[in-house]
Protein backbone atom coordinates (compact mmCIF):
# COMPACT_ATOMS: atom_id res chain seq x y z
CA MET A 1 48.80 -2.54 -25.01
CA LYS A 2 47.45 -5.48 -26.95
CA HIS A 3 45.64 -5.23 -30.27
CA LYS A 4 43.94 -7.72 -32.53
CA CYS A 5 46.42 -10.05 -34.27
CA GLY A 6 46.93 -8.97 -37.86
CA TYR A 7 47.73 -12.49 -39.04
CA CYS A 8 44.51 -14.20 -37.93
CA GLY A 9 42.29 -11.13 -37.59
CA GLY A 10 41.80 -11.79 -33.89
CA THR A 11 40.27 -15.26 -34.23
CA GLY A 12 43.32 -17.17 -32.97
CA ILE A 13 43.07 -19.65 -35.83
CA VAL A 14 44.18 -19.68 -39.47
CA GLU A 15 43.09 -21.77 -42.43
CA CYS A 16 45.26 -24.79 -43.25
CA ASP A 17 47.51 -23.96 -46.21
CA CYS A 18 47.62 -27.62 -47.25
CA THR A 19 43.87 -28.10 -47.61
CA GLY A 20 42.50 -24.60 -48.12
CA GLY A 21 40.36 -25.12 -45.03
CA CYS A 22 38.57 -28.31 -46.06
CA GLY A 23 40.67 -30.61 -43.85
CA LYS A 24 41.17 -33.26 -46.53
CA LYS A 25 44.55 -33.76 -48.19
CA TYR A 26 42.91 -36.19 -50.62
CA ALA A 27 39.23 -36.97 -51.04
CA ASP A 28 39.30 -39.81 -48.50
CA GLU A 29 42.29 -38.86 -46.31
CA ASP A 30 42.50 -36.30 -43.49
CA CYS A 31 45.35 -33.82 -43.75
CA PRO A 32 48.21 -34.74 -41.38
CA MET A 33 48.97 -31.05 -40.77
CA CYS A 34 45.54 -29.98 -39.50
CA LEU A 35 44.28 -33.47 -38.55
CA GLY A 36 41.22 -33.02 -40.73
CA LYS A 37 40.06 -29.83 -39.01
CA GLY A 38 41.01 -27.41 -41.81
CA VAL A 39 42.50 -24.88 -39.38
CA HIS A 40 45.60 -24.37 -37.23
CA ILE A 41 46.32 -22.30 -34.14
CA CYS A 42 47.70 -18.96 -35.32
CA PRO A 43 51.51 -19.06 -35.23
CA GLU A 44 51.77 -15.31 -34.63
CA CYS A 45 49.60 -14.99 -31.52
CA ASN A 46 49.59 -18.64 -30.38
CA GLY A 47 45.81 -18.73 -30.47
CA THR A 48 45.17 -15.69 -28.26
CA GLY A 49 43.92 -13.46 -31.09
CA LYS A 50 45.96 -10.57 -29.67
CA ALA A 51 49.30 -9.11 -30.65
CA GLU A 52 51.69 -6.93 -28.67
CA ASP A 53 52.20 -3.34 -29.77
CA ASP A 54 55.57 -2.59 -31.31
CA GLU A 55 55.81 0.61 -29.25
């Protein structure tokens, strides 16, 4: 049975650690990690928003 991913809260995306979600590494430069979007696909659920039960 699948449940909501605990890492992203079921959204499938997480805030960029580099930019705090703003997408800018510096005032005039997009972050190379999130490409200026401020978010990444969740590494735990690969963007599905669901996680497998451990049972």
